[in-house]
Amino acid sequence: MKTQRIATEGVVLALALILGFVDSLIPMPIPVAGIKLGLANLAVIFALYRLSPAEAVIISIVRVILSGLMFASLSGIMYSLAGAVLSLIVMQAIKHFTDHHVIIVSVCGSLAHITGQLVVAGGMTSFAIVTYYAPILLVSALIAGVIIGTLASILNDRVPVPAAPENREQ
């Protein structure tokens, strides 16, 4: 792998970690557990559009694990990992099989992320409790997805494209 590509991945991962930390410092107007803006997803969506799908997966999974080890618990890692994996699958499928705009991809990813977390929460507690919070969390995910998608669209338009994996010298 080319040095410039590895450096790009490292910078995107570091950015995801920093944005995730900043996100944890932002107070939400609704005091419901699980509501966040999802700033780290800016870096993941950037990786999804500008790096390879495999690199986006690696960045997302490593970010979740490192963030969890630094700022959360094992259960926090489980929630985040479930959301991140489902979100990546949905975003990659929508991006690959359609020509939808990055905002649509972001919204669908955000909704998938909270759905993955709700499934884990239901399994760990009670699905009855989860269904009580689900509407609030899904609406907040929709709003966050639009915000992050808009920011990701701007970022994708303004940041130069790293060399594509198939165009790299081996």
Protein backbone atom coordinates (compact mmCIF):
# COMPACT_ATOMS: atom_id res chain seq x y z
CA MET A 1 0.00 0.00 0.00
CA LYS A 2 1.33 3.39 -0.92
CA THR A 3 2.56 5.65 1.88
CA GLN A 4 0.28 8.52 0.85
CA ARG A 5 -2.77 6.25 0.98
CA ILE A 6 -1.88 4.95 4.45
CA ALA A 7 -1.35 8.52 5.63
CA THR A 8 -4.74 9.53 4.21
CA GLU A 9 -6.44 6.66 6.05
CA GLY A 10 -4.67 7.63 9.27
CA VAL A 11 -5.75 11.24 8.95
CA VAL A 12 -9.36 10.24 8.25
CA LEU A 13 -9.34 7.86 11.25
CA ALA A 14 -7.84 10.55 13.50
CA LEU A 15 -10.45 13.02 12.27
CA ALA A 16 -13.22 10.51 13.03
CA LEU A 17 -11.88 10.05 16.57
CA ILE A 18 -11.62 13.80 17.15
CA LEU A 19 -15.08 14.48 15.74
CA GLY A 20 -16.51 11.68 17.89
CA PHE A 21 -14.98 13.26 20.98
CA VAL A 22 -16.24 16.73 20.04
CA ASP A 23 -19.68 15.20 19.44
CA SER A 24 -19.71 13.84 22.99
CA LEU A 25 -19.19 17.37 24.31
CA ILE A 26 -22.19 18.86 22.49
CA PRO A 27 -25.25 19.01 24.76
CA MET A 28 -28.44 17.78 23.14
CA PRO A 29 -31.69 19.69 23.74
CA ILE A 30 -33.59 16.43 24.39
CA PRO A 31 -32.20 14.46 27.35
CA VAL A 32 -32.69 11.01 25.83
CA ALA A 33 -29.83 8.50 25.85
CA GLY A 34 -28.54 7.76 22.37
CA ILE A 35 -29.20 11.13 20.75
CA LYS A 36 -26.04 12.51 19.16
CA LEU A 37 -25.26 14.47 16.04
CA GLY A 38 -22.86 11.79 14.77
CA LEU A 39 -20.01 14.04 13.68
CA ALA A 40 -17.64 11.08 13.33
CA ASN A 41 -19.82 9.90 10.46
CA LEU A 42 -18.50 12.82 8.41
CA ALA A 43 -15.18 11.01 8.23
CA VAL A 44 -16.84 7.66 7.51
CA ILE A 45 -18.94 9.09 4.67
CA PHE A 46 -15.86 10.84 3.30
CA ALA A 47 -14.04 7.48 3.36
CA LEU A 48 -17.01 5.78 1.71
CA TYR A 49 -16.96 8.25 -1.18
CA ARG A 50 -13.25 8.98 -1.48
CA LEU A 51 -11.52 5.79 -0.37
CA SER A 52 -12.39 2.15 -1.02
CA PRO A 53 -15.31 0.41 0.69
CA ALA A 54 -12.83 -1.77 2.60
CA GLU A 55 -10.96 1.30 3.84
CA ALA A 56 -14.24 2.87 4.97
CA VAL A 57 -15.10 -0.30 6.91
CA ILE A 58 -11.69 -0.39 8.57
CA ILE A 59 -11.85 3.29 9.51
CA SER A 60 -15.35 2.93 10.94
CA ILE A 61 -14.71 -0.25 12.92
CA VAL A 62 -11.35 0.92 14.30
CA ARG A 63 -12.92 4.26 15.25
CA VAL A 64 -15.72 2.55 17.15
CA ILE A 65 -13.33 0.28 19.03
CA LEU A 66 -10.82 3.02 19.87
CA SER A 67 -13.53 5.49 20.89
CA GLY A 68 -15.17 2.82 23.01
CA LEU A 69 -11.92 1.94 24.74
CA MET A 70 -11.15 5.61 25.42
CA PHE A 71 -14.57 7.02 26.27
CA ALA A 72 -17.14 4.26 26.82
CA SER A 73 -17.62 0.74 28.11
CA LEU A 74 -17.96 -2.70 26.57
CA SER A 75 -21.70 -2.21 26.19
CA GLY A 76 -21.03 1.16 24.53
CA ILE A 77 -18.77 -0.58 22.04
CA MET A 78 -21.47 -3.18 21.35
CA TYR A 79 -24.11 -0.50 20.70
CA SER A 80 -21.80 1.52 18.47
CA LEU A 81 -20.48 -1.50 16.60
CA ALA A 82 -23.98 -2.77 15.81
CA GLY A 83 -24.98 0.66 14.55
CA ALA A 84 -21.78 1.19 12.59
CA VAL A 85 -21.90 -2.18 10.82
CA LEU A 86 -25.56 -1.87 9.83
CA SER A 87 -25.02 1.74 8.78
CA LEU A 88 -22.04 0.84 6.59
CA ILE A 89 -23.94 -2.00 4.91
CA VAL A 90 -26.90 0.25 4.13
CA MET A 91 -24.83 3.25 2.99
CA GLN A 92 -22.59 1.13 0.76
CA ALA A 93 -25.58 -0.64 -0.79
CA ILE A 94 -27.42 2.61 -1.51
CA LYS A 95 -24.27 4.28 -2.85
CA HIS A 96 -23.35 1.25 -4.99
CA PHE A 97 -26.76 0.35 -6.44
CA THR A 98 -28.30 3.80 -6.90
CA ASP A 99 -27.23 7.28 -7.79
CA HIS A 100 -28.75 8.90 -4.70
CA HIS A 101 -27.13 12.03 -3.33
CA VAL A 102 -24.79 11.85 -0.34
CA ILE A 103 -27.51 13.38 1.88
CA ILE A 104 -29.86 10.45 1.15
CA VAL A 105 -27.02 8.00 1.82
CA SER A 106 -26.29 9.79 5.11
CA VAL A 107 -29.92 9.79 6.23
CA CYS A 108 -30.32 6.10 5.46
CA GLY A 109 -27.05 5.37 7.26
CA SER A 110 -28.15 7.38 10.26
CA LEU A 111 -31.48 5.57 10.44
CA ALA A 112 -29.72 2.21 10.05
CA HIS A 113 -27.25 3.13 12.78
CA ILE A 114 -29.94 3.90 15.34
CA THR A 115 -31.88 0.80 14.25
CA GLY A 116 -28.83 -1.37 14.94
CA GLN A 117 -28.45 0.24 18.34
CA LEU A 118 -32.15 -0.22 19.11
CA VAL A 119 -31.92 -3.92 18.29
CA VAL A 120 -28.97 -4.34 20.66
CA ALA A 121 -30.75 -2.29 23.33
CA GLY A 122 -33.87 -4.41 22.95
CA GLY A 123 -31.83 -7.57 23.32
CA MET A 124 -30.06 -6.26 26.41
CA THR A 125 -33.12 -4.76 28.11
CA SER A 126 -36.64 -5.01 26.79
CA PHE A 127 -38.09 -4.36 23.37
CA ALA A 128 -41.07 -2.71 25.09
CA ILE A 129 -38.80 -0.02 26.54
CA VAL A 130 -37.01 0.37 23.20
CA THR A 131 -40.25 0.90 21.29
CA TYR A 132 -41.08 3.74 23.67
CA TYR A 133 -37.88 5.62 22.75
CA ALA A 134 -37.69 4.50 19.10
CA PRO A 135 -39.79 7.32 17.58
CA ILE A 136 -37.73 10.03 19.31
CA LEU A 137 -34.46 8.36 18.34
CA LEU A 138 -35.52 7.79 14.73
CA VAL A 139 -36.62 11.41 14.26
CA SER A 140 -33.37 12.63 15.78
CA ALA A 141 -31.44 10.25 13.50
CA LEU A 142 -33.29 11.64 10.49
CA ILE A 143 -32.39 15.21 11.44
CA ALA A 144 -28.78 14.28 12.22
CA GLY A 145 -28.53 12.39 8.92
CA VAL A 146 -29.61 15.48 6.97
CA ILE A 147 -27.11 17.68 8.83
CA ILE A 148 -24.20 15.24 8.47
CA GLY A 149 -25.11 14.51 4.85
CA THR A 150 -25.13 18.22 4.02
CA LEU A 151 -21.75 18.71 5.69
CA ALA A 152 -20.37 15.59 3.96
CA SER A 153 -21.58 16.88 0.59
CA ILE A 154 -19.75 20.16 1.15
CA LEU A 155 -16.64 18.29 2.33
CA ASN A 156 -16.67 15.98 -0.69
CA ASP A 157 -16.95 18.97 -3.03
CA ARG A 158 -14.05 20.85 -1.44
CA VAL A 159 -11.45 18.25 -0.49
CA PRO A 160 -9.20 16.89 -3.25
CA VAL A 161 -9.65 13.24 -4.12
CA PRO A 162 -6.88 10.88 -2.94
CA ALA A 163 -5.54 8.50 -5.59
CA ALA A 164 -7.96 5.64 -6.20
CA PRO A 165 -6.75 2.16 -5.14
CA GLU A 166 -6.83 0.84 -8.70
CA ASN A 167 -4.70 3.78 -9.91
CA ARG A 168 -1.96 3.33 -7.31
CA GLU A 169 1.46 2.07 -8.11
CA GLN A 170 2.18 -1.20 -6.34
